[in-house]
Amino acid sequence: LQDKMKQSLSTIEELHASFSAANSFQDLSSSVLTQS
């Protein structure tokens, strides 16, 4: 359970980083959005 939640946290951190770094949709690939 702990591992799953740690995995969840790092996934969310990655997503947050992707969105924070993007200035527009052009910066986000469609795969990033579908994988999210």
ModelCIF file with pLDDT and N, C-alpha, C, O atoms, coordinates in Angstrom:
data_MODEL
#
_entry.id   MODEL 
#
_entity.id                         1 
_entity.type                       polymer 
_entity.pdbx_number_of_molecules   1 
#
_entity_poly.entity_id                      1 
_entity_poly.type                           'polypeptide(L)' 
_entity_poly.nstd_linkage                   no 
_entity_poly.nstd_monomer                   no 
_entity_poly.pdbx_seq_one_letter_code       LQDKMKQSLSTIEELHASFSAANSFQDLSSSVLTQS 
_entity_poly.pdbx_seq_one_letter_code_can   LQDKMKQSLSTIEELHASFSAANSFQDLSSSVLTQS 
_entity_poly.pdbx_strand_id                 A 
#
loop_
_entity_poly_seq.entity_id 
_entity_poly_seq.num 
_entity_poly_seq.mon_id 
_entity_poly_seq.hetero 
1 1  LEU n 
1 2  GLN n 
1 3  ASP n 
1 4  LYS n 
1 5  MET n 
1 6  LYS n 
1 7  GLN n 
1 8  SER n 
1 9  LEU n 
1 10 SER n 
1 11 THR n 
1 12 ILE n 
1 13 GLU n 
1 14 GLU n 
1 15 LEU n 
1 16 HIS n 
1 17 ALA n 
1 18 SER n 
1 19 PHE n 
1 20 SER n 
1 21 ALA n 
1 22 ALA n 
1 23 ASN n 
1 24 SER n 
1 25 PHE n 
1 26 GLN n 
1 27 ASP n 
1 28 LEU n 
1 29 SER n 
1 30 SER n 
1 31 SER n 
1 32 VAL n 
1 33 LEU n 
1 34 THR n 
1 35 GLN n 
1 36 SER n 
#
_struct_asym.id          A 
_struct_asym.entity_id   1 
#
loop_
_ma_qa_metric.id 
_ma_qa_metric.mode 
_ma_qa_metric.name 
_ma_qa_metric.software_group_id 
_ma_qa_metric.type 
1 global pLDDT . pLDDT 
2 local  pLDDT . pLDDT 
#
_ma_qa_metric_global.metric_id      1 
_ma_qa_metric_global.metric_value   86.25 
_ma_qa_metric_global.model_id       1 
_ma_qa_metric_global.ordinal_id     1 
#
loop_
_ma_qa_metric_local.label_asym_id 
_ma_qa_metric_local.label_comp_id 
_ma_qa_metric_local.label_seq_id 
_ma_qa_metric_local.metric_id 
_ma_qa_metric_local.metric_value 
_ma_qa_metric_local.model_id 
_ma_qa_metric_local.ordinal_id 
A LEU 1  2 92.00 1 1  
A GLN 2  2 93.00 1 2  
A ASP 3  2 96.00 1 3  
A LYS 4  2 95.00 1 4  
A MET 5  2 93.00 1 5  
A LYS 6  2 95.00 1 6  
A GLN 7  2 95.00 1 7  
A SER 8  2 93.00 1 8  
A LEU 9  2 94.00 1 9  
A SER 10 2 95.00 1 10 
A THR 11 2 93.00 1 11 
A ILE 12 2 92.00 1 12 
A GLU 13 2 94.00 1 13 
A GLU 14 2 92.00 1 14 
A LEU 15 2 89.00 1 15 
A HIS 16 2 91.00 1 16 
A ALA 17 2 92.00 1 17 
A SER 18 2 89.00 1 18 
A PHE 19 2 86.00 1 19 
A SER 20 2 89.00 1 20 
A ALA 21 2 89.00 1 21 
A ALA 22 2 86.00 1 22 
A ASN 23 2 81.00 1 23 
A SER 24 2 76.00 1 24 
A PHE 25 2 70.00 1 25 
A GLN 26 2 75.00 1 26 
A ASP 27 2 79.00 1 27 
A LEU 28 2 79.00 1 28 
A SER 29 2 73.00 1 29 
A SER 30 2 73.00 1 30 
A SER 31 2 76.00 1 31 
A VAL 32 2 79.00 1 32 
A LEU 33 2 76.00 1 33 
A THR 34 2 77.00 1 34 
A GLN 35 2 84.00 1 35 
A SER 36 2 84.00 1 36 
#
loop_
_atom_site.group_PDB 
_atom_site.id 
_atom_site.type_symbol 
_atom_site.label_atom_id 
_atom_site.label_alt_id 
_atom_site.label_comp_id 
_atom_site.label_asym_id 
_atom_site.label_entity_id 
_atom_site.label_seq_id 
_atom_site.pdbx_PDB_ins_code 
_atom_site.Cartn_x 
_atom_site.Cartn_y 
_atom_site.Cartn_z 
_atom_site.occupancy 
_atom_site.B_iso_or_equiv 
_atom_site.pdbx_formal_charge 
_atom_site.auth_seq_id 
_atom_site.auth_comp_id 
_atom_site.auth_asym_id 
_atom_site.auth_atom_id 
_atom_site.pdbx_PDB_model_num 
ATOM 1   N N  . LEU A 1 1  ? 0.836  -1.207 0.000   1.00 92.00 ? 1  LEU A N  1 
ATOM 2   C CA . LEU A 1 1  ? 0.000  0.000  0.000   1.00 92.00 ? 1  LEU A CA 1 
ATOM 3   C C  . LEU A 1 1  ? 0.871  1.256  0.000   1.00 92.00 ? 1  LEU A C  1 
ATOM 4   O O  . LEU A 1 1  ? 0.598  2.215  -0.723  1.00 92.00 ? 1  LEU A O  1 
ATOM 5   N N  . GLN A 1 2  ? 1.923  1.236  0.823   1.00 93.00 ? 2  GLN A N  1 
ATOM 6   C CA . GLN A 1 2  ? 2.811  2.395  0.892   1.00 93.00 ? 2  GLN A CA 1 
ATOM 7   C C  . GLN A 1 2  ? 3.456  2.661  -0.468  1.00 93.00 ? 2  GLN A C  1 
ATOM 8   O O  . GLN A 1 2  ? 3.561  3.806  -0.908  1.00 93.00 ? 2  GLN A O  1 
ATOM 9   N N  . ASP A 1 3  ? 3.888  1.576  -1.127  1.00 96.00 ? 3  ASP A N  1 
ATOM 10  C CA . ASP A 1 3  ? 4.527  1.729  -2.436  1.00 96.00 ? 3  ASP A CA 1 
ATOM 11  C C  . ASP A 1 3  ? 3.570  2.331  -3.456  1.00 96.00 ? 3  ASP A C  1 
ATOM 12  O O  . ASP A 1 3  ? 3.949  3.184  -4.258  1.00 96.00 ? 3  ASP A O  1 
ATOM 13  N N  . LYS A 1 4  ? 2.332  1.872  -3.410  1.00 95.00 ? 4  LYS A N  1 
ATOM 14  C CA . LYS A 1 4  ? 1.342  2.390  -4.361  1.00 95.00 ? 4  LYS A CA 1 
ATOM 15  C C  . LYS A 1 4  ? 1.092  3.874  -4.153  1.00 95.00 ? 4  LYS A C  1 
ATOM 16  O O  . LYS A 1 4  ? 0.946  4.631  -5.113  1.00 95.00 ? 4  LYS A O  1 
ATOM 17  N N  . MET A 1 5  ? 1.044  4.286  -2.883  1.00 93.00 ? 5  MET A N  1 
ATOM 18  C CA . MET A 1 5  ? 0.809  5.689  -2.610  1.00 93.00 ? 5  MET A CA 1 
ATOM 19  C C  . MET A 1 5  ? 2.033  6.540  -2.953  1.00 93.00 ? 5  MET A C  1 
ATOM 20  O O  . MET A 1 5  ? 1.894  7.682  -3.391  1.00 93.00 ? 5  MET A O  1 
ATOM 21  N N  . LYS A 1 6  ? 3.240  5.979  -2.752  1.00 95.00 ? 6  LYS A N  1 
ATOM 22  C CA . LYS A 1 6  ? 4.452  6.709  -3.147  1.00 95.00 ? 6  LYS A CA 1 
ATOM 23  C C  . LYS A 1 6  ? 4.494  6.863  -4.663  1.00 95.00 ? 6  LYS A C  1 
ATOM 24  O O  . LYS A 1 6  ? 4.882  7.904  -5.193  1.00 95.00 ? 6  LYS A O  1 
ATOM 25  N N  . GLN A 1 7  ? 4.084  5.802  -5.340  1.00 95.00 ? 7  GLN A N  1 
ATOM 26  C CA . GLN A 1 7  ? 4.013  5.826  -6.804  1.00 95.00 ? 7  GLN A CA 1 
ATOM 27  C C  . GLN A 1 7  ? 3.007  6.890  -7.259  1.00 95.00 ? 7  GLN A C  1 
ATOM 28  O O  . GLN A 1 7  ? 3.259  7.645  -8.198  1.00 95.00 ? 7  GLN A O  1 
ATOM 29  N N  . SER A 1 8  ? 1.857  6.929  -6.567  1.00 93.00 ? 8  SER A N  1 
ATOM 30  C CA . SER A 1 8  ? 0.829  7.925  -6.881  1.00 93.00 ? 8  SER A CA 1 
ATOM 31  C C  . SER A 1 8  ? 1.374  9.334  -6.721  1.00 93.00 ? 8  SER A C  1 
ATOM 32  O O  . SER A 1 8  ? 1.147  10.206 -7.559  1.00 93.00 ? 8  SER A O  1 
ATOM 33  N N  . LEU A 1 9  ? 2.107  9.541  -5.614  1.00 94.00 ? 9  LEU A N  1 
ATOM 34  C CA . LEU A 1 9  ? 2.671  10.858 -5.347  1.00 94.00 ? 9  LEU A CA 1 
ATOM 35  C C  . LEU A 1 9  ? 3.635  11.278 -6.450  1.00 94.00 ? 9  LEU A C  1 
ATOM 36  O O  . LEU A 1 9  ? 3.576  12.410 -6.932  1.00 94.00 ? 9  LEU A O  1 
ATOM 37  N N  . SER A 1 10 ? 4.530  10.363 -6.853  1.00 95.00 ? 10 SER A N  1 
ATOM 38  C CA . SER A 1 10 ? 5.499  10.766 -7.879  1.00 95.00 ? 10 SER A CA 1 
ATOM 39  C C  . SER A 1 10 ? 4.825  10.971 -9.234  1.00 95.00 ? 10 SER A C  1 
ATOM 40  O O  . SER A 1 10 ? 5.264  11.803 -10.028 1.00 95.00 ? 10 SER A O  1 
ATOM 41  N N  . THR A 1 11 ? 3.752  10.210 -9.500  1.00 93.00 ? 11 THR A N  1 
ATOM 42  C CA . THR A 1 11 ? 2.975  10.421 -10.732 1.00 93.00 ? 11 THR A CA 1 
ATOM 43  C C  . THR A 1 11 ? 2.359  11.819 -10.738 1.00 93.00 ? 11 THR A C  1 
ATOM 44  O O  . THR A 1 11 ? 2.429  12.538 -11.734 1.00 93.00 ? 11 THR A O  1 
ATOM 45  N N  . ILE A 1 12 ? 1.754  12.192 -9.606  1.00 92.00 ? 12 ILE A N  1 
ATOM 46  C CA . ILE A 1 12 ? 1.122  13.507 -9.501  1.00 92.00 ? 12 ILE A CA 1 
ATOM 47  C C  . ILE A 1 12 ? 2.172  14.615 -9.604  1.00 92.00 ? 12 ILE A C  1 
ATOM 48  O O  . ILE A 1 12 ? 1.932  15.655 -10.219 1.00 92.00 ? 12 ILE A O  1 
ATOM 49  N N  . GLU A 1 13 ? 3.333  14.382 -8.998  1.00 94.00 ? 13 GLU A N  1 
ATOM 50  C CA . GLU A 1 13 ? 4.416  15.371 -9.093  1.00 94.00 ? 13 GLU A CA 1 
ATOM 51  C C  . GLU A 1 13 ? 4.840  15.574 -10.551 1.00 94.00 ? 13 GLU A C  1 
ATOM 52  O O  . GLU A 1 13 ? 5.081  16.698 -10.991 1.00 94.00 ? 13 GLU A O  1 
ATOM 53  N N  . GLU A 1 14 ? 4.927  14.458 -11.293 1.00 92.00 ? 14 GLU A N  1 
ATOM 54  C CA . GLU A 1 14 ? 5.279  14.547 -12.719 1.00 92.00 ? 14 GLU A CA 1 
ATOM 55  C C  . GLU A 1 14 ? 4.228  15.338 -13.498 1.00 92.00 ? 14 GLU A C  1 
ATOM 56  O O  . GLU A 1 14 ? 4.556  16.216 -14.296 1.00 92.00 ? 14 GLU A O  1 
ATOM 57  N N  . LEU A 1 15 ? 2.971  15.014 -13.251 1.00 89.00 ? 15 LEU A N  1 
ATOM 58  C CA . LEU A 1 15 ? 1.877  15.708 -13.947 1.00 89.00 ? 15 LEU A CA 1 
ATOM 59  C C  . LEU A 1 15 ? 1.927  17.203 -13.643 1.00 89.00 ? 15 LEU A C  1 
ATOM 60  O O  . LEU A 1 15 ? 1.814  18.047 -14.532 1.00 89.00 ? 15 LEU A O  1 
ATOM 61  N N  . HIS A 1 16 ? 2.103  17.504 -12.345 1.00 91.00 ? 16 HIS A N  1 
ATOM 62  C CA . HIS A 1 16 ? 2.137  18.909 -11.938 1.00 91.00 ? 16 HIS A CA 1 
ATOM 63  C C  . HIS A 1 16 ? 3.291  19.632 -12.632 1.00 91.00 ? 16 HIS A C  1 
ATOM 64  O O  . HIS A 1 16 ? 3.140  20.760 -13.101 1.00 91.00 ? 16 HIS A O  1 
ATOM 65  N N  . ALA A 1 17 ? 4.437  18.967 -12.689 1.00 92.00 ? 17 ALA A N  1 
ATOM 66  C CA . ALA A 1 17 ? 5.606  19.568 -13.341 1.00 92.00 ? 17 ALA A CA 1 
ATOM 67  C C  . ALA A 1 17 ? 5.339  19.816 -14.828 1.00 92.00 ? 17 ALA A C  1 
ATOM 68  O O  . ALA A 1 17 ? 5.714  20.857 -15.366 1.00 92.00 ? 17 ALA A O  1 
ATOM 69  N N  . SER A 1 18 ? 4.690  18.856 -15.483 1.00 89.00 ? 18 SER A N  1 
ATOM 70  C CA . SER A 1 18 ? 4.365  19.017 -16.910 1.00 89.00 ? 18 SER A CA 1 
ATOM 71  C C  . SER A 1 18 ? 3.479  20.231 -17.147 1.00 89.00 ? 18 SER A C  1 
ATOM 72  O O  . SER A 1 18 ? 3.734  21.038 -18.041 1.00 89.00 ? 18 SER A O  1 
ATOM 73  N N  . PHE A 1 19 ? 2.431  20.349 -16.329 1.00 86.00 ? 19 PHE A N  1 
ATOM 74  C CA . PHE A 1 19 ? 1.500  21.458 -16.518 1.00 86.00 ? 19 PHE A CA 1 
ATOM 75  C C  . PHE A 1 19 ? 2.123  22.795 -16.137 1.00 86.00 ? 19 PHE A C  1 
ATOM 76  O O  . PHE A 1 19 ? 1.866  23.817 -16.773 1.00 86.00 ? 19 PHE A O  1 
ATOM 77  N N  . SER A 1 20 ? 2.945  22.774 -15.090 1.00 89.00 ? 20 SER A N  1 
ATOM 78  C CA . SER A 1 20 ? 3.581  24.013 -14.654 1.00 89.00 ? 20 SER A CA 1 
ATOM 79  C C  . SER A 1 20 ? 4.548  24.535 -15.706 1.00 89.00 ? 20 SER A C  1 
ATOM 80  O O  . SER A 1 20 ? 4.674  25.744 -15.904 1.00 89.00 ? 20 SER A O  1 
ATOM 81  N N  . ALA A 1 21 ? 5.231  23.606 -16.381 1.00 89.00 ? 21 ALA A N  1 
ATOM 82  C CA . ALA A 1 21 ? 6.238  24.013 -17.368 1.00 89.00 ? 21 ALA A CA 1 
ATOM 83  C C  . ALA A 1 21 ? 5.626  24.438 -18.691 1.00 89.00 ? 21 ALA A C  1 
ATOM 84  O O  . ALA A 1 21 ? 6.267  25.123 -19.489 1.00 89.00 ? 21 ALA A O  1 
ATOM 85  N N  . ALA A 1 22 ? 4.378  24.030 -18.923 1.00 86.00 ? 22 ALA A N  1 
ATOM 86  C CA . ALA A 1 22 ? 3.752  24.326 -20.214 1.00 86.00 ? 22 ALA A CA 1 
ATOM 87  C C  . ALA A 1 22 ? 3.209  25.753 -20.261 1.00 86.00 ? 22 ALA A C  1 
ATOM 88  O O  . ALA A 1 22 ? 2.576  26.224 -19.316 1.00 86.00 ? 22 ALA A O  1 
ATOM 89  N N  . ASN A 1 23 ? 3.471  26.427 -21.376 1.00 81.00 ? 23 ASN A N  1 
ATOM 90  C CA . ASN A 1 23 ? 2.885  27.760 -21.574 1.00 81.00 ? 23 ASN A CA 1 
ATOM 91  C C  . ASN A 1 23 ? 1.613  27.673 -22.402 1.00 81.00 ? 23 ASN A C  1 
ATOM 92  O O  . ASN A 1 23 ? 0.756  28.555 -22.348 1.00 81.00 ? 23 ASN A O  1 
ATOM 93  N N  . SER A 1 24 ? 1.508  26.591 -23.170 1.00 76.00 ? 24 SER A N  1 
ATOM 94  C CA . SER A 1 24 ? 0.327  26.384 -23.992 1.00 76.00 ? 24 SER A CA 1 
ATOM 95  C C  . SER A 1 24 ? 0.203  24.906 -24.316 1.00 76.00 ? 24 SER A C  1 
ATOM 96  O O  . SER A 1 24 ? 1.069  24.108 -23.958 1.00 76.00 ? 24 SER A O  1 
ATOM 97  N N  . PHE A 1 25 ? -0.877 24.548 -24.993 1.00 70.00 ? 25 PHE A N  1 
ATOM 98  C CA . PHE A 1 25 ? -1.078 23.155 -25.364 1.00 70.00 ? 25 PHE A CA 1 
ATOM 99  C C  . PHE A 1 25 ? 0.007  22.664 -26.311 1.00 70.00 ? 25 PHE A C  1 
ATOM 100 O O  . PHE A 1 25 ? 0.310  21.471 -26.355 1.00 70.00 ? 25 PHE A O  1 
ATOM 101 N N  . GLN A 1 26 ? 0.587  23.581 -27.061 1.00 75.00 ? 26 GLN A N  1 
ATOM 102 C CA . GLN A 1 26 ? 1.650  23.204 -27.986 1.00 75.00 ? 26 GLN A CA 1 
ATOM 103 C C  . GLN A 1 26 ? 2.811  22.565 -27.210 1.00 75.00 ? 26 GLN A C  1 
ATOM 104 O O  . GLN A 1 26 ? 3.551  21.735 -27.738 1.00 75.00 ? 26 GLN A O  1 
ATOM 105 N N  . ASP A 1 27 ? 2.947  22.977 -25.941 1.00 79.00 ? 27 ASP A N  1 
ATOM 106 C CA . ASP A 1 27 ? 4.021  22.435 -25.111 1.00 79.00 ? 27 ASP A CA 1 
ATOM 107 C C  . ASP A 1 27 ? 3.686  21.036 -24.570 1.00 79.00 ? 27 ASP A C  1 
ATOM 108 O O  . ASP A 1 27 ? 4.564  20.315 -24.096 1.00 79.00 ? 27 ASP A O  1 
ATOM 109 N N  . LEU A 1 28 ? 2.402  20.671 -24.650 1.00 79.00 ? 28 LEU A N  1 
ATOM 110 C CA . LEU A 1 28 ? 1.980  19.371 -24.137 1.00 79.00 ? 28 LEU A CA 1 
ATOM 111 C C  . LEU A 1 28 ? 1.642  18.461 -25.306 1.00 79.00 ? 28 LEU A C  1 
ATOM 112 O O  . LEU A 1 28 ? 0.810  18.808 -26.144 1.00 79.00 ? 28 LEU A O  1 
ATOM 113 N N  . SER A 1 29 ? 2.274  17.311 -25.367 1.00 73.00 ? 29 SER A N  1 
ATOM 114 C CA . SER A 1 29 ? 1.928  16.388 -26.449 1.00 73.00 ? 29 SER A CA 1 
ATOM 115 C C  . SER A 1 29 ? 0.579  15.746 -26.128 1.00 73.00 ? 29 SER A C  1 
ATOM 116 O O  . SER A 1 29 ? 0.163  15.707 -24.970 1.00 73.00 ? 29 SER A O  1 
ATOM 117 N N  . SER A 1 30 ? -0.096 15.247 -27.154 1.00 73.00 ? 30 SER A N  1 
ATOM 118 C CA . SER A 1 30 ? -1.397 14.612 -26.917 1.00 73.00 ? 30 SER A CA 1 
ATOM 119 C C  . SER A 1 30 ? -1.216 13.377 -26.042 1.00 73.00 ? 30 SER A C  1 
ATOM 120 O O  . SER A 1 30 ? -2.118 13.012 -25.289 1.00 73.00 ? 30 SER A O  1 
ATOM 121 N N  . SER A 1 31 ? -0.044 12.727 -26.136 1.00 76.00 ? 31 SER A N  1 
ATOM 122 C CA . SER A 1 31 ? 0.187  11.532 -25.314 1.00 76.00 ? 31 SER A CA 1 
ATOM 123 C C  . SER A 1 31 ? 0.262  11.902 -23.835 1.00 76.00 ? 31 SER A C  1 
ATOM 124 O O  . SER A 1 31 ? -0.192 11.142 -22.980 1.00 76.00 ? 31 SER A O  1 
ATOM 125 N N  . VAL A 1 32 ? 0.836  13.075 -23.532 1.00 79.00 ? 32 VAL A N  1 
ATOM 126 C CA . VAL A 1 32 ? 0.888  13.528 -22.134 1.00 79.00 ? 32 VAL A CA 1 
ATOM 127 C C  . VAL A 1 32 ? -0.534 13.661 -21.596 1.00 79.00 ? 32 VAL A C  1 
ATOM 128 O O  . VAL A 1 32 ? -0.829 13.232 -20.480 1.00 79.00 ? 32 VAL A O  1 
ATOM 129 N N  . LEU A 1 33 ? -1.403 14.254 -22.395 1.00 76.00 ? 33 LEU A N  1 
ATOM 130 C CA . LEU A 1 33 ? -2.782 14.471 -21.940 1.00 76.00 ? 33 LEU A CA 1 
ATOM 131 C C  . LEU A 1 33 ? -3.552 13.162 -21.799 1.00 76.00 ? 33 LEU A C  1 
ATOM 132 O O  . LEU A 1 33 ? -4.280 12.975 -20.824 1.00 76.00 ? 33 LEU A O  1 
ATOM 133 N N  . THR A 1 34 ? -3.398 12.251 -22.767 1.00 77.00 ? 34 THR A N  1 
ATOM 134 C CA . THR A 1 34 ? -4.136 10.989 -22.675 1.00 77.00 ? 34 THR A CA 1 
ATOM 135 C C  . THR A 1 34 ? -3.577 10.111 -21.553 1.00 77.00 ? 34 THR A C  1 
ATOM 136 O O  . THR A 1 34 ? -4.336 9.459  -20.836 1.00 77.00 ? 34 THR A O  1 
ATOM 137 N N  . GLN A 1 35 ? -2.256 10.094 -21.403 1.00 84.00 ? 35 GLN A N  1 
ATOM 138 C CA . GLN A 1 35 ? -1.649 9.301  -20.321 1.00 84.00 ? 35 GLN A CA 1 
ATOM 139 C C  . GLN A 1 35 ? -2.058 9.843  -18.951 1.00 84.00 ? 35 GLN A C  1 
ATOM 140 O O  . GLN A 1 35 ? -2.237 9.083  -18.000 1.00 84.00 ? 35 GLN A O  1 
ATOM 141 N N  . SER A 1 36 ? -2.202 11.157 -18.867 1.00 84.00 ? 36 SER A N  1 
ATOM 142 C CA . SER A 1 36 ? -2.605 11.781 -17.601 1.00 84.00 ? 36 SER A CA 1 
ATOM 143 C C  . SER A 1 36 ? -3.938 11.219 -17.149 1.00 84.00 ? 36 SER A C  1 
ATOM 144 O O  . SER A 1 36 ? -4.453 11.615 -16.103 1.00 84.00 ? 36 SER A O  1 
#
